């Protein structure tokens, strides 16, 4: 006999929670932003590429997802500090979920060093 677990919305809700997902314009980060926002979380995401980020923001807005965005290179301290200030202001100093999905390509020398280890 099949068990009825109800709808996705009945089982899970992130309404009232806040999330920061770095690297949210593509890949896993993008999927996490959509899932969290789809479950009702207010999400802020960042990316190094402003044009890609703005396109994502537009699509999320069309889907009525609560997502704000900012351009940030998390490898740069000043950008990270600005991101934290933006998130603090956006969420009134309340952050429930952090997803770090930023990445950058590995240089060949970095990859070789990783393989040696």
Protein backbone atom coordinates (compact mmCIF):
# COMPACT_ATOMS: atom_id res chain seq x y z
CA UNK A 1 0.00 0.00 0.00
CA UNK A 2 1.40 3.41 -0.99
CA UNK A 3 1.87 5.99 1.71
CA UNK A 4 0.68 9.53 0.98
CA UNK A 5 3.30 11.94 2.25
CA UNK A 6 1.44 14.97 0.93
CA UNK A 7 2.78 17.63 -1.34
CA UNK A 8 6.30 19.00 -1.26
CA UNK A 9 4.99 22.22 0.29
CA UNK A 10 3.16 20.32 3.02
CA UNK A 11 6.28 18.35 3.97
CA UNK A 12 8.91 21.06 3.80
CA UNK A 13 8.86 24.76 4.46
CA UNK A 14 11.68 27.24 4.82
CA UNK A 15 9.31 30.19 5.16
CA UNK A 16 10.85 32.80 7.42
CA UNK A 17 14.42 31.57 6.95
CA UNK A 18 17.27 33.38 5.24
CA UNK A 19 20.11 31.97 3.18
CA UNK A 20 23.33 33.10 1.56
CA UNK A 21 24.55 30.99 -1.36
CA UNK A 22 27.84 32.00 -2.96
CA UNK A 23 28.35 31.09 -6.61
CA UNK A 24 24.62 31.06 -7.31
CA UNK A 25 24.61 32.04 -10.98
CA UNK A 26 25.31 28.54 -12.32
CA UNK A 27 25.83 24.90 -11.49
CA UNK A 28 25.14 23.49 -8.05
CA UNK A 29 24.93 26.97 -6.51
CA UNK A 30 22.16 27.94 -8.93
CA UNK A 31 20.22 24.76 -8.15
CA UNK A 32 20.57 25.36 -4.40
CA UNK A 33 19.30 28.94 -4.74
CA UNK A 34 16.23 27.73 -6.63
CA UNK A 35 15.50 24.92 -4.18
CA UNK A 36 15.86 27.07 -1.07
CA UNK A 37 13.77 29.89 -2.55
CA UNK A 38 11.26 27.35 -3.85
CA UNK A 39 10.75 26.13 -0.28
CA UNK A 40 10.12 29.70 0.86
CA UNK A 41 13.51 30.93 2.08
CA UNK A 42 14.67 34.46 1.33
CA UNK A 43 17.96 33.97 -0.49
CA UNK A 44 20.88 36.23 -1.32
CA UNK A 45 23.43 35.00 -3.81
CA UNK A 46 26.58 36.37 -5.38
CA UNK A 47 28.78 35.71 -8.37
CA UNK A 48 31.76 37.30 -10.08
CA UNK A 49 29.84 37.69 -13.34
CA UNK A 50 27.35 40.55 -13.05
CA UNK A 51 25.65 39.92 -16.41
CA UNK A 52 24.95 36.25 -15.62
CA UNK A 53 23.80 37.16 -12.15
CA UNK A 54 21.36 39.78 -13.43
CA UNK A 55 19.90 37.30 -15.92
CA UNK A 56 19.38 34.80 -13.09
CA UNK A 57 17.81 37.49 -10.90
CA UNK A 58 15.36 38.37 -13.68
CA UNK A 59 14.33 34.71 -14.11
CA UNK A 60 13.92 34.23 -10.35
CA UNK A 61 11.77 37.34 -10.20
CA UNK A 62 9.56 35.92 -12.98
CA UNK A 63 9.13 32.78 -10.85
CA UNK A 64 8.23 34.93 -7.82
CA UNK A 65 11.22 33.64 -5.87
CA UNK A 66 12.62 35.87 -3.13
CA UNK A 67 16.22 36.19 -4.30
CA UNK A 68 18.53 39.20 -4.08
CA UNK A 69 21.92 39.34 -5.76
CA UNK A 70 25.25 41.12 -5.64
CA UNK A 71 28.50 40.89 -7.58
CA UNK A 72 31.31 39.52 -5.43
CA UNK A 73 34.63 37.76 -5.92
CA UNK A 74 34.96 35.83 -2.66
CA UNK A 75 38.71 35.51 -3.19
CA UNK A 76 38.99 39.27 -2.53
CA UNK A 77 38.73 40.32 1.12
CA UNK A 78 37.12 43.71 0.38
CA UNK A 79 34.43 42.00 -1.72
CA UNK A 80 33.72 39.51 1.09
CA UNK A 81 33.40 42.33 3.62
CA UNK A 82 31.01 44.21 1.32
CA UNK A 83 29.00 40.99 0.81
CA UNK A 84 28.66 40.49 4.56
CA UNK A 85 27.46 44.07 5.00
CA UNK A 86 24.92 43.60 2.18
CA UNK A 87 23.64 40.36 3.71
CA UNK A 88 23.49 41.93 7.18
CA UNK A 89 21.38 44.80 5.85
CA UNK A 90 19.20 42.60 3.62
CA UNK A 91 18.35 40.10 6.37
CA UNK A 92 18.51 42.41 9.42
CA UNK A 93 21.54 40.54 10.80
CA UNK A 94 19.76 37.15 10.63
CA UNK A 95 21.32 34.38 8.55
CA UNK A 96 20.03 30.82 8.92
CA UNK A 97 21.65 28.96 6.01
CA UNK A 98 25.03 29.33 4.32
CA UNK A 99 25.91 27.51 1.11
CA UNK A 100 29.42 28.06 -0.23
CA UNK A 101 29.37 27.08 -3.90
CA UNK A 102 31.96 29.50 -5.28
CA UNK A 103 34.67 28.04 -7.40
CA UNK A 104 37.32 28.94 -9.90
CA UNK A 105 39.21 26.88 -12.44
CA UNK A 106 42.30 25.04 -11.25
CA UNK A 107 45.53 25.90 -12.97
CA UNK A 108 47.53 22.95 -14.28
CA UNK A 109 50.22 23.45 -11.66
CA UNK A 110 47.58 23.43 -8.90
CA UNK A 111 46.08 20.22 -10.28
CA UNK A 112 49.49 18.53 -10.43
CA UNK A 113 50.22 19.54 -6.86
CA UNK A 114 46.87 18.12 -5.79
CA UNK A 115 47.63 14.83 -7.52
CA UNK A 116 51.02 14.58 -5.78
CA UNK A 117 49.39 14.89 -2.37
